[in-house]
C-alpha atoms as a PDB file:
ATOM      1  CA  MET A   1      50.738 100.955 177.003  1.00  0.00           C
ATOM      2  CA  SER A   2      51.368 103.798 174.567  1.00  0.00           C
ATOM      3  CA  THR A   3      49.086 104.490 171.619  1.00  0.00           C
ATOM      4  CA  ALA A   4      50.663 104.423 168.164  1.00  0.00           C
ATOM      5  CA  LYS A   5      51.056 107.875 166.690  1.00  0.00           C
ATOM      6  CA  LYS A   6      48.605 108.544 163.862  1.00  0.00           C
ATOM      7  CA  ASP A   7      50.024 109.995 160.677  1.00  0.00           C
ATOM      8  CA  TYR A   8      47.886 113.014 159.779  1.00  0.00           C
ATOM      9  CA  LYS A   9      48.269 114.047 156.152  1.00  0.00           C
ATOM     10  CA  ARG A  10      46.233 117.150 156.990  1.00  0.00           C
ATOM     11  CA  VAL A  11      45.704 118.358 160.532  1.00  0.00           C
ATOM     12  CA  THR A  12      42.159 119.489 161.333  1.00  0.00           C
ATOM     13  CA  VAL A  13      40.386 120.664 164.476  1.00  0.00           C
ATOM     14  CA  LYS A  14      39.167 117.072 164.847  1.00  0.00           C
ATOM     15  CA  SER A  15      42.769 115.841 164.653  1.00  0.00           C
ATOM     16  CA  LEU A  16      43.725 117.907 167.703  1.00  0.00           C
ATOM     17  CA  VAL A  17      40.933 116.416 169.808  1.00  0.00           C
ATOM     18  CA  GLU A  18      42.059 112.946 168.692  1.00  0.00           C
ATOM     19  CA  MET A  19      45.651 113.772 169.630  1.00  0.00           C
ATOM     20  CA  LYS A  20      44.568 114.716 173.131  1.00  0.00           C
ATOM     21  CA  ALA A  21      42.486 111.554 173.471  1.00  0.00           C
ATOM     22  CA  ASN A  22      45.492 109.494 172.317  1.00  0.00           C
ATOM     23  CA  LYS A  23      47.827 111.399 174.681  1.00  0.00           C
ATOM     24  CA  GLU A  24      49.885 112.724 171.767  1.00  0.00           C
ATOM     25  CA  LYS A  25      51.269 116.185 172.453  1.00  0.00           C
ATOM     26  CA  ILE A  26      50.430 118.940 169.961  1.00  0.00           C
ATOM     27  CA  SER A  27      53.161 121.144 168.462  1.00  0.00           C
ATOM     28  CA  MET A  28      52.352 124.717 167.489  1.00  0.00           C
ATOM     29  CA  LEU A  29      54.505 127.582 166.201  1.00  0.00           C
ATOM     30  CA  THR A  30      53.904 130.973 164.635  1.00  0.00           C
ATOM     31  CA  ALA A  31      54.486 132.056 161.046  1.00  0.00           C
ATOM     32  CA  TYR A  32      53.659 135.266 159.245  1.00  0.00           C
ATOM     33  CA  ASP A  33      55.119 134.788 155.750  1.00  0.00           C
ATOM     34  CA  TYR A  34      55.361 132.198 152.984  1.00  0.00           C
ATOM     35  CA  THR A  35      59.019 131.268 153.371  1.00  0.00           C
ATOM     36  CA  MET A  36      58.923 130.664 157.128  1.00  0.00           C
ATOM     37  CA  ALA A  37      55.580 128.847 156.938  1.00  0.00           C
ATOM     38  CA  LYS A  38      56.949 126.509 154.251  1.00  0.00           C
ATOM     39  CA  ILE A  39      59.796 125.476 156.547  1.00  0.00           C
ATOM     40  CA  VAL A  40      57.646 125.158 159.673  1.00  0.00           C
ATOM     41  CA  ASP A  41      55.028 123.069 157.865  1.00  0.00           C
ATOM     42  CA  GLY A  42      57.658 120.862 156.242  1.00  0.00           C
ATOM     43  CA  ALA A  43      59.139 120.114 159.661  1.00  0.00           C
ATOM     44  CA  GLY A  44      55.874 118.513 160.758  1.00  0.00           C
ATOM     45  CA  VAL A  45      54.512 121.159 163.137  1.00  0.00           C
ATOM     46  CA  ASP A  46      50.825 120.397 163.779  1.00  0.00           C
ATOM     47  CA  VAL A  47      49.432 123.919 164.073  1.00  0.00           C
ATOM     48  CA  ILE A  48      50.694 127.199 162.647  1.00  0.00           C
ATOM     49  CA  LEU A  49      49.440 130.300 164.407  1.00  0.00           C
ATOM     50  CA  VAL A  50      49.327 133.458 162.352  1.00  0.00           C
ATOM     51  CA  GLY A  51      49.580 135.471 165.526  1.00  0.00           C
ATOM     52  CA  ASP A  52      48.987 139.126 166.224  1.00  0.00           C
ATOM     53  CA  SER A  53      52.535 138.870 167.589  1.00  0.00           C
ATOM     54  CA  ALA A  54      53.380 139.886 164.010  1.00  0.00           C
ATOM     55  CA  SER A  55      52.788 143.373 165.383  1.00  0.00           C
ATOM     56  CA  ASN A  56      55.901 142.906 167.527  1.00  0.00           C
ATOM     57  CA  VAL A  57      58.274 140.713 165.540  1.00  0.00           C
ATOM     58  CA  MET A  58      57.415 141.826 162.011  1.00  0.00           C
ATOM     59  CA  ALA A  59      56.391 145.470 162.462  1.00  0.00           C
ATOM     60  CA  GLY A  60      58.353 146.442 165.567  1.00  0.00           C
ATOM     61  CA  HIS A  61      55.457 147.660 167.680  1.00  0.00           C
ATOM     62  CA  GLU A  62      55.726 147.502 171.457  1.00  0.00           C
ATOM     63  CA  THR A  63      52.383 145.681 171.806  1.00  0.00           C
ATOM     64  CA  THR A  64      50.042 143.586 169.674  1.00  0.00           C
ATOM     65  CA  LEU A  65      47.384 146.303 169.645  1.00  0.00           C
ATOM     66  CA  PRO A  66      48.320 148.276 166.482  1.00  0.00           C
ATOM     67  CA  ILE A  67      48.033 145.429 163.952  1.00  0.00           C
ATOM     68  CA  THR A  68      44.926 145.674 161.774  1.00  0.00           C
ATOM     69  CA  LEU A  69      42.515 143.131 160.356  1.00  0.00           C
ATOM     70  CA  ASP A  70      43.770 143.867 156.826  1.00  0.00           C
ATOM     71  CA  GLN A  71      47.342 143.208 157.940  1.00  0.00           C
ATOM     72  CA  MET A  72      46.365 139.931 159.619  1.00  0.00           C
ATOM     73  CA  ILE A  73      44.642 138.821 156.420  1.00  0.00           C
ATOM     74  CA  TYR A  74      47.783 139.680 154.423  1.00  0.00           C
ATOM     75  CA  HIS A  75      50.002 137.600 156.730  1.00  0.00           C
ATOM     76  CA  ALA A  76      47.532 134.697 156.845  1.00  0.00           C
ATOM     77  CA  SER A  77      47.196 134.639 153.056  1.00  0.00           C
ATOM     78  CA  SER A  78      50.974 134.372 152.726  1.00  0.00           C
ATOM     79  CA  VAL A  79      51.091 131.474 155.188  1.00  0.00           C
ATOM     80  CA  ILE A  80      48.194 129.573 153.619  1.00  0.00           C
ATOM     81  CA  ARG A  81      49.957 129.487 150.247  1.00  0.00           C
ATOM     82  CA  ALA A  82      52.886 127.649 151.841  1.00  0.00           C
ATOM     83  CA  ILE A  83      51.311 124.806 153.782  1.00  0.00           C
ATOM     84  CA  ASP A  84      50.432 121.208 152.941  1.00  0.00           C
ATOM     85  CA  ARG A  85      49.713 119.694 156.378  1.00  0.00           C
ATOM     86  CA  ALA A  86      49.375 122.086 159.304  1.00  0.00           C
ATOM     87  CA  LEU A  87      46.167 123.558 160.693  1.00  0.00           C
ATOM     88  CA  ILE A  88      46.268 127.345 160.250  1.00  0.00           C
ATOM     89  CA  VAL A  89      44.803 129.413 163.089  1.00  0.00           C
ATOM     90  CA  VAL A  90      44.579 133.185 162.638  1.00  0.00           C
ATOM     91  CA  ASP A  91      44.362 135.702 165.483  1.00  0.00           C
ATOM     92  CA  LEU A  92      41.497 138.162 165.452  1.00  0.00           C
ATOM     93  CA  PRO A  93      43.281 141.467 166.159  1.00  0.00           C
ATOM     94  CA  PHE A  94      42.430 143.922 168.905  1.00  0.00           C
ATOM     95  CA  GLY A  95      39.261 145.885 168.197  1.00  0.00           C
ATOM     96  CA  SER A  96      37.827 143.430 165.684  1.00  0.00           C
ATOM     97  CA  TYR A  97      35.617 141.382 168.022  1.00  0.00           C
ATOM     98  CA  GLN A  98      35.437 142.701 171.602  1.00  0.00           C
ATOM     99  CA  SER A  99      32.589 145.197 171.520  1.00  0.00           C
ATOM    100  CA  ASP A 100      30.070 143.794 169.051  1.00  0.00           C
ATOM    101  CA  PRO A 101      29.306 140.140 168.188  1.00  0.00           C
ATOM    102  CA  LYS A 102      28.187 141.189 164.701  1.00  0.00           C
ATOM    103  CA  GLU A 103      31.523 142.939 164.134  1.00  0.00           C
ATOM    104  CA  ALA A 104      33.286 139.829 165.463  1.00  0.00           C
ATOM    105  CA  LEU A 105      31.472 137.679 162.920  1.00  0.00           C
ATOM    106  CA  ARG A 106      32.278 140.066 160.083  1.00  0.00           C
ATOM    107  CA  SER A 107      35.951 140.017 161.074  1.00  0.00           C
ATOM    108  CA  ALA A 108      36.072 136.222 161.274  1.00  0.00           C
ATOM    109  CA  ILE A 109      34.316 135.837 157.922  1.00  0.00           C
ATOM    110  CA  ARG A 110      36.797 138.212 156.281  1.00  0.00           C
ATOM    111  CA  ILE A 111      39.713 136.166 157.616  1.00  0.00           C
ATOM    112  CA  MET A 112      38.231 132.879 156.422  1.00  0.00           C
ATOM    113  CA  LYS A 113      37.169 134.156 152.981  1.00  0.00           C
ATOM    114  CA  GLU A 114      40.090 136.435 152.147  1.00  0.00           C
ATOM    115  CA  SER A 115      42.990 134.453 153.624  1.00  0.00           C
ATOM    116  CA  GLY A 116      41.789 130.854 153.446  1.00  0.00           C
ATOM    117  CA  GLY A 117      42.621 130.269 157.114  1.00  0.00           C
ATOM    118  CA  HIS A 118      41.172 127.245 158.874  1.00  0.00           C
ATOM    119  CA  ALA A 119      40.180 128.767 162.237  1.00  0.00           C
ATOM    120  CA  VAL A 120      40.367 131.967 164.281  1.00  0.00           C
ATOM    121  CA  LYS A 121      41.675 132.638 167.780  1.00  0.00           C
ATOM    122  CA  LEU A 122      40.503 135.322 170.171  1.00  0.00           C
ATOM    123  CA  GLU A 123      41.335 136.339 173.708  1.00  0.00           C
ATOM    124  CA  GLY A 124      39.058 136.345 176.734  1.00  0.00           C
ATOM    125  CA  GLY A 125      36.390 134.426 178.628  1.00  0.00           C
ATOM    126  CA  LYS A 126      32.789 135.229 179.449  1.00  0.00           C
ATOM    127  CA  GLU A 127      33.206 138.843 178.338  1.00  0.00           C
ATOM    128  CA  VAL A 128      33.522 137.686 174.691  1.00  0.00           C
ATOM    129  CA  LYS A 129      31.106 134.747 174.963  1.00  0.00           C
ATOM    130  CA  ASP A 130      28.524 136.306 172.638  1.00  0.00           C
ATOM    131  CA  SER A 131      31.144 137.000 169.974  1.00  0.00           C
ATOM    132  CA  ILE A 132      32.396 133.415 170.170  1.00  0.00           C
ATOM    133  CA  LYS A 133      28.897 131.994 169.830  1.00  0.00           C
ATOM    134  CA  ARG A 134      28.133 134.226 166.848  1.00  0.00           C
ATOM    135  CA  ILE A 135      31.303 133.090 165.065  1.00  0.00           C
ATOM    136  CA  LEU A 136      30.750 129.418 165.891  1.00  0.00           C
ATOM    137  CA  ASN A 137      27.138 129.579 164.693  1.00  0.00           C
ATOM    138  CA  ALA A 138      28.508 130.588 161.287  1.00  0.00           C
ATOM    139  CA  GLY A 139      30.542 127.367 161.172  1.00  0.00           C
ATOM    140  CA  ILE A 140      33.915 128.978 161.841  1.00  0.00           C
ATOM    141  CA  PRO A 141      36.162 127.049 164.286  1.00  0.00           C
ATOM    142  CA  VAL A 142      37.332 129.087 167.287  1.00  0.00           C
ATOM    143  CA  MET A 143      40.382 128.644 169.513  1.00  0.00           C
ATOM    144  CA  GLY A 144      40.223 130.425 172.867  1.00  0.00           C
ATOM    145  CA  HIS A 145      43.023 132.187 174.748  1.00  0.00           C
ATOM    146  CA  LEU A 146      43.124 132.667 178.528  1.00  0.00           C
ATOM    147  CA  GLY A 147      45.664 133.650 181.182  1.00  0.00           C
ATOM    148  CA  LEU A 148      47.937 136.434 180.023  1.00  0.00           C
ATOM    149  CA  THR A 149      46.038 138.042 177.153  1.00  0.00           C
ATOM    150  CA  PRO A 150      48.425 140.489 175.439  1.00  0.00           C
ATOM    151  CA  GLN A 151      45.619 142.526 173.864  1.00  0.00           C
ATOM    152  CA  SER A 152      44.628 143.517 177.433  1.00  0.00           C
ATOM    153  CA  ILE A 153      48.140 144.530 178.461  1.00  0.00           C
ATOM    154  CA  TYR A 154      47.137 148.064 179.405  1.00  0.00           C
ATOM    155  CA  LYS A 155      44.476 146.682 181.750  1.00  0.00           C
ATOM    156  CA  PHE A 156      46.974 144.323 183.409  1.00  0.00           C
ATOM    157  CA  GLY A 157      49.843 146.802 183.279  1.00  0.00           C
ATOM    158  CA  THR A 158      52.420 144.004 183.199  1.00  0.00           C
ATOM    159  CA  TYR A 159      53.328 140.781 181.398  1.00  0.00           C
ATOM    160  CA  THR A 160      53.689 138.880 184.681  1.00  0.00           C
ATOM    161  CA  VAL A 161      52.227 135.438 185.398  1.00  0.00           C
ATOM    162  CA  ARG A 162      48.429 135.414 185.642  1.00  0.00           C
ATOM    163  CA  ALA A 163      46.021 133.489 187.916  1.00  0.00           C
ATOM    164  CA  LYS A 164      48.419 133.046 190.837  1.00  0.00           C
ATOM    165  CA  GLU A 165      45.704 134.185 193.236  1.00  0.00           C
ATOM    166  CA  GLU A 166      42.740 131.907 193.990  1.00  0.00           C
ATOM    167  CA  GLN A 167      40.052 134.292 192.734  1.00  0.00           C
ATOM    168  CA  GLU A 168      41.649 134.743 189.319  1.00  0.00           C
ATOM    169  CA  ALA A 169      42.454 131.015 189.101  1.00  0.00           C
ATOM    170  CA  GLN A 170      38.800 130.150 189.719  1.00  0.00           C
ATOM    171  CA  LYS A 171      37.691 132.599 187.032  1.00  0.00           C
ATOM    172  CA  LEU A 172      40.157 131.076 184.579  1.00  0.00           C
ATOM    173  CA  LYS A 173      38.803 127.579 185.251  1.00  0.00           C
ATOM    174  CA  GLN A 174      35.231 128.811 184.828  1.00  0.00           C
ATOM    175  CA  ASP A 175      36.107 130.596 181.598  1.00  0.00           C
ATOM    176  CA  ALA A 176      37.888 127.509 180.234  1.00  0.00           C
ATOM    177  CA  LEU A 177      34.817 125.362 180.907  1.00  0.00           C
ATOM    178  CA  MET A 178      32.611 127.997 179.315  1.00  0.00           C
ATOM    179  CA  LEU A 179      34.789 128.072 176.191  1.00  0.00           C
ATOM    180  CA  GLU A 180      34.556 124.289 175.882  1.00  0.00           C
ATOM    181  CA  LYS A 181      30.780 124.301 176.351  1.00  0.00           C
ATOM    182  CA  ALA A 182      30.423 127.137 173.842  1.00  0.00           C
ATOM    183  CA  GLY A 183      32.162 124.974 171.230  1.00  0.00           C
ATOM    184  CA  CYS A 184      35.798 126.111 171.066  1.00  0.00           C
ATOM    185  CA  PHE A 185      38.009 123.322 169.723  1.00  0.00           C
ATOM    186  CA  ALA A 186      41.072 124.259 171.828  1.00  0.00           C
ATOM    187  CA  ILE A 187      42.396 126.871 174.248  1.00  0.00           C
ATOM    188  CA  VAL A 188      45.779 128.570 174.585  1.00  0.00           C
ATOM    189  CA  LEU A 189      46.851 129.165 178.198  1.00  0.00           C
ATOM    190  CA  GLU A 190      49.569 131.810 178.481  1.00  0.00           C
ATOM    191  CA  LYS A 191      51.801 132.423 181.518  1.00  0.00           C
ATOM    192  CA  VAL A 192      49.814 130.675 184.229  1.00  0.00           C
ATOM    193  CA  PRO A 193      51.066 128.374 187.012  1.00  0.00           C
ATOM    194  CA  ALA A 194      51.853 124.871 185.759  1.00  0.00           C
ATOM    195  CA  LYS A 195      49.678 123.225 188.423  1.00  0.00           C
ATOM    196  CA  LEU A 196      46.640 125.263 187.387  1.00  0.00           C
ATOM    197  CA  ALA A 197      47.231 124.623 183.676  1.00  0.00           C
ATOM    198  CA  LYS A 198      47.480 120.870 184.289  1.00  0.00           C
ATOM    199  CA  GLU A 199      44.257 120.937 186.273  1.00  0.00           C
ATOM    200  CA  VAL A 200      42.460 122.737 183.445  1.00  0.00           C
ATOM    201  CA  ALA A 201      43.842 120.341 180.815  1.00  0.00           C
ATOM    202  CA  GLU A 202      42.729 117.310 182.795  1.00  0.00           C
ATOM    203  CA  SER A 203      39.244 118.704 183.383  1.00  0.00           C
ATOM    204  CA  LEU A 204      38.419 119.400 179.730  1.00  0.00           C
ATOM    205  CA  THR A 205      38.093 117.189 176.656  1.00  0.00           C
ATOM    206  CA  ILE A 206      39.396 119.855 174.259  1.00  0.00           C
ATOM    207  CA  PRO A 207      43.179 120.410 173.947  1.00  0.00           C
ATOM    208  CA  ILE A 208      44.960 122.985 176.086  1.00  0.00           C
ATOM    209  CA  ILE A 209      47.997 124.512 174.365  1.00  0.00           C
ATOM    210  CA  GLY A 210      50.456 126.124 176.746  1.00  0.00           C
ATOM    211  CA  ILE A 211      52.962 128.934 176.492  1.00  0.00           C
ATOM    212  CA  GLY A 212      54.603 129.395 179.855  1.00  0.00           C
ATOM    213  CA  ALA A 213      52.066 126.973 181.337  1.00  0.00           C
ATOM    214  CA  GLY A 214      54.211 123.933 182.168  1.00  0.00           C
ATOM    215  CA  ASN A 215      54.270 120.475 180.610  1.00  0.00           C
ATOM    216  CA  GLY A 216      51.010 119.131 182.023  1.00  0.00           C
ATOM    217  CA  VAL A 217      48.996 120.540 179.126  1.00  0.00           C
ATOM    218  CA  ASP A 218      48.211 118.940 175.755  1.00  0.00           C
ATOM    219  CA  GLY A 219      50.625 120.886 173.591  1.00  0.00           C
ATOM    220  CA  GLN A 220      53.020 123.815 173.365  1.00  0.00           C
ATOM    221  CA  VAL A 221      53.292 126.997 171.316  1.00  0.00           C
ATOM    222  CA  LEU A 222      56.180 129.425 170.901  1.00  0.00           C
ATOM    223  CA  VAL A 223      56.852 132.404 168.679  1.00  0.00           C
ATOM    224  CA  THR A 224      59.130 131.030 165.961  1.00  0.00           C
ATOM    225  CA  HIS A 225      61.388 134.087 165.886  1.00  0.00           C
ATOM    226  CA  ASP A 226      61.967 133.677 169.622  1.00  0.00           C
ATOM    227  CA  MET A 227      62.743 129.950 169.612  1.00  0.00           C
ATOM    228  CA  LEU A 228      65.126 130.405 166.673  1.00  0.00           C
ATOM    229  CA  GLY A 229      66.984 133.114 168.544  1.00  0.00           C
ATOM    230  CA  MET A 230      66.295 135.775 165.926  1.00  0.00           C
ATOM    231  CA  THR A 231      65.093 137.993 168.753  1.00  0.00           C
ATOM    232  CA  HIS A 232      67.606 138.327 171.566  1.00  0.00           C
ATOM    233  CA  GLU A 233      66.214 140.935 173.986  1.00  0.00           C
ATOM    234  CA  PHE A 234      63.194 138.814 175.019  1.00  0.00           C
ATOM    235  CA  ASN A 235      64.131 136.278 177.720  1.00  0.00           C
ATOM    236  CA  PRO A 236      61.132 134.819 179.583  1.00  0.00           C
ATOM    237  CA  ARG A 237      61.613 131.677 181.643  1.00  0.00           C
ATOM    238  CA  PHE A 238      59.397 129.593 179.336  1.00  0.00           C
ATOM    239  CA  LEU A 239      61.436 130.289 176.195  1.00  0.00           C
ATOM    240  CA  ARG A 240      63.884 127.662 174.961  1.00  0.00           C
ATOM    241  CA  ARG A 241      66.117 128.912 172.157  1.00  0.00           C
ATOM    242  CA  TYR A 242      66.847 126.084 169.746  1.00  0.00           C
ATOM    243  CA  LEU A 243      69.220 128.219 167.663  1.00  0.00           C
ATOM    244  CA  ASP A 244      71.082 131.500 168.004  1.00  0.00           C
ATOM    245  CA  LEU A 245      70.196 132.906 164.602  1.00  0.00           C
ATOM    246  CA  TYR A 246      70.716 136.478 165.756  1.00  0.00           C
ATOM    247  CA  THR A 247      74.450 135.844 166.120  1.00  0.00           C
ATOM    248  CA  GLU A 248      74.723 133.567 163.086  1.00  0.00           C
ATOM    249  CA  MET A 249      72.858 135.953 160.802  1.00  0.00           C
ATOM    250  CA  THR A 250      74.795 138.967 162.079  1.00  0.00           C
ATOM    251  CA  ASN A 251      78.090 137.177 161.379  1.00  0.00           C
ATOM    252  CA  ALA A 252      76.900 136.187 157.897  1.00  0.00           C
ATOM    253  CA  PHE A 253      75.875 139.767 157.063  1.00  0.00           C
ATOM    254  CA  LYS A 254      79.210 141.087 158.327  1.00  0.00           C
ATOM    255  CA  GLN A 255      81.086 138.538 156.213  1.00  0.00           C
ATOM    256  CA  TYR A 256      79.044 139.568 153.159  1.00  0.00           C
ATOM    257  CA  VAL A 257      79.949 143.234 153.716  1.00  0.00           C
ATOM    258  CA  THR A 258      83.625 142.292 154.089  1.00  0.00           C
ATOM    259  CA  ASP A 259      83.567 140.190 150.895  1.00  0.00           C
ATOM    260  CA  VAL A 260      81.871 142.906 148.847  1.00  0.00           C
ATOM    261  CA  LYS A 261      84.264 145.594 150.075  1.00  0.00           C
ATOM    262  CA  ALA A 262      87.259 143.365 149.319  1.00  0.00           C
ATOM    263  CA  VAL A 263      85.903 142.469 145.853  1.00  0.00           C
ATOM    264  CA  ASP A 264      85.932 138.839 146.952  1.00  0.00           C
ATOM    265  CA  PHE A 265      82.263 138.493 146.045  1.00  0.00           C
ATOM    266  CA  PRO A 266      81.358 137.645 143.402  1.00  0.00           C
ATOM    267  CA  ASN A 267      84.330 135.550 142.349  1.00  0.00           C
ATOM    268  CA  GLU A 268      84.906 134.160 138.860  1.00  0.00           C
ATOM    269  CA  ASN A 269      82.642 131.163 139.498  1.00  0.00           C
ATOM    270  CA  GLU A 270      79.795 133.434 140.635  1.00  0.00           C
ATOM    271  CA  GLN A 271      79.474 135.524 137.484  1.00  0.00           C
ATOM    272  CA  TYR A 272      78.485 135.018 133.860  1.00  0.00           C
END
């Protein structure tokens, strides 16, 4: 017997745990600016991630590493001004939390105070345990991130699927349990085998949000620019493109150029 879907006027970290308990899947997408966030929130997406993927899709960097804490706060502030319902989770950027728990806390506090975000997300397991505890002790909600962790790309050397081997799979399961026990309210699993992701989701009480982790988890996240087809050179197996905006926007821009050159725009009805 299915449980009736609860109508959340505002999604909170508690809401996500309730959704998992009620077997309601959690929807999550990225946004980095006011206009996109307004649309995503209005569509009923549960969680908006202000991701360090802004380094790639907004700034054109090859990796997520170059984006700064100040830039993340700028993007998060823009998103916060747009939303009425969604939970806003903000990535702690590379270098702002890994080496020093005190620095991690300062970074998280800046995000919460200066952007108005609702929670932070950081990558890693036991190696960042002290930073997570320091942030949580300050009352700031933390979302974990395991599997493929893009901030560690130069250590991995590739964006291939993680935890295919038993040793790494066991470490991932141990880290996931540690993150739950530490107090994280949810975990993103990126590019791991579907069977492993399902096992982790079933073993924990907190939600597991997947990206390239199969459908046995508690929710899904995609980069909005990817699922809208605004980016066209990125084609991982897990990506479903719901639109082909790259082609549609290109055609619209070309038509605009043609109309301006032909003095067809503006016409008599489009001027004063």
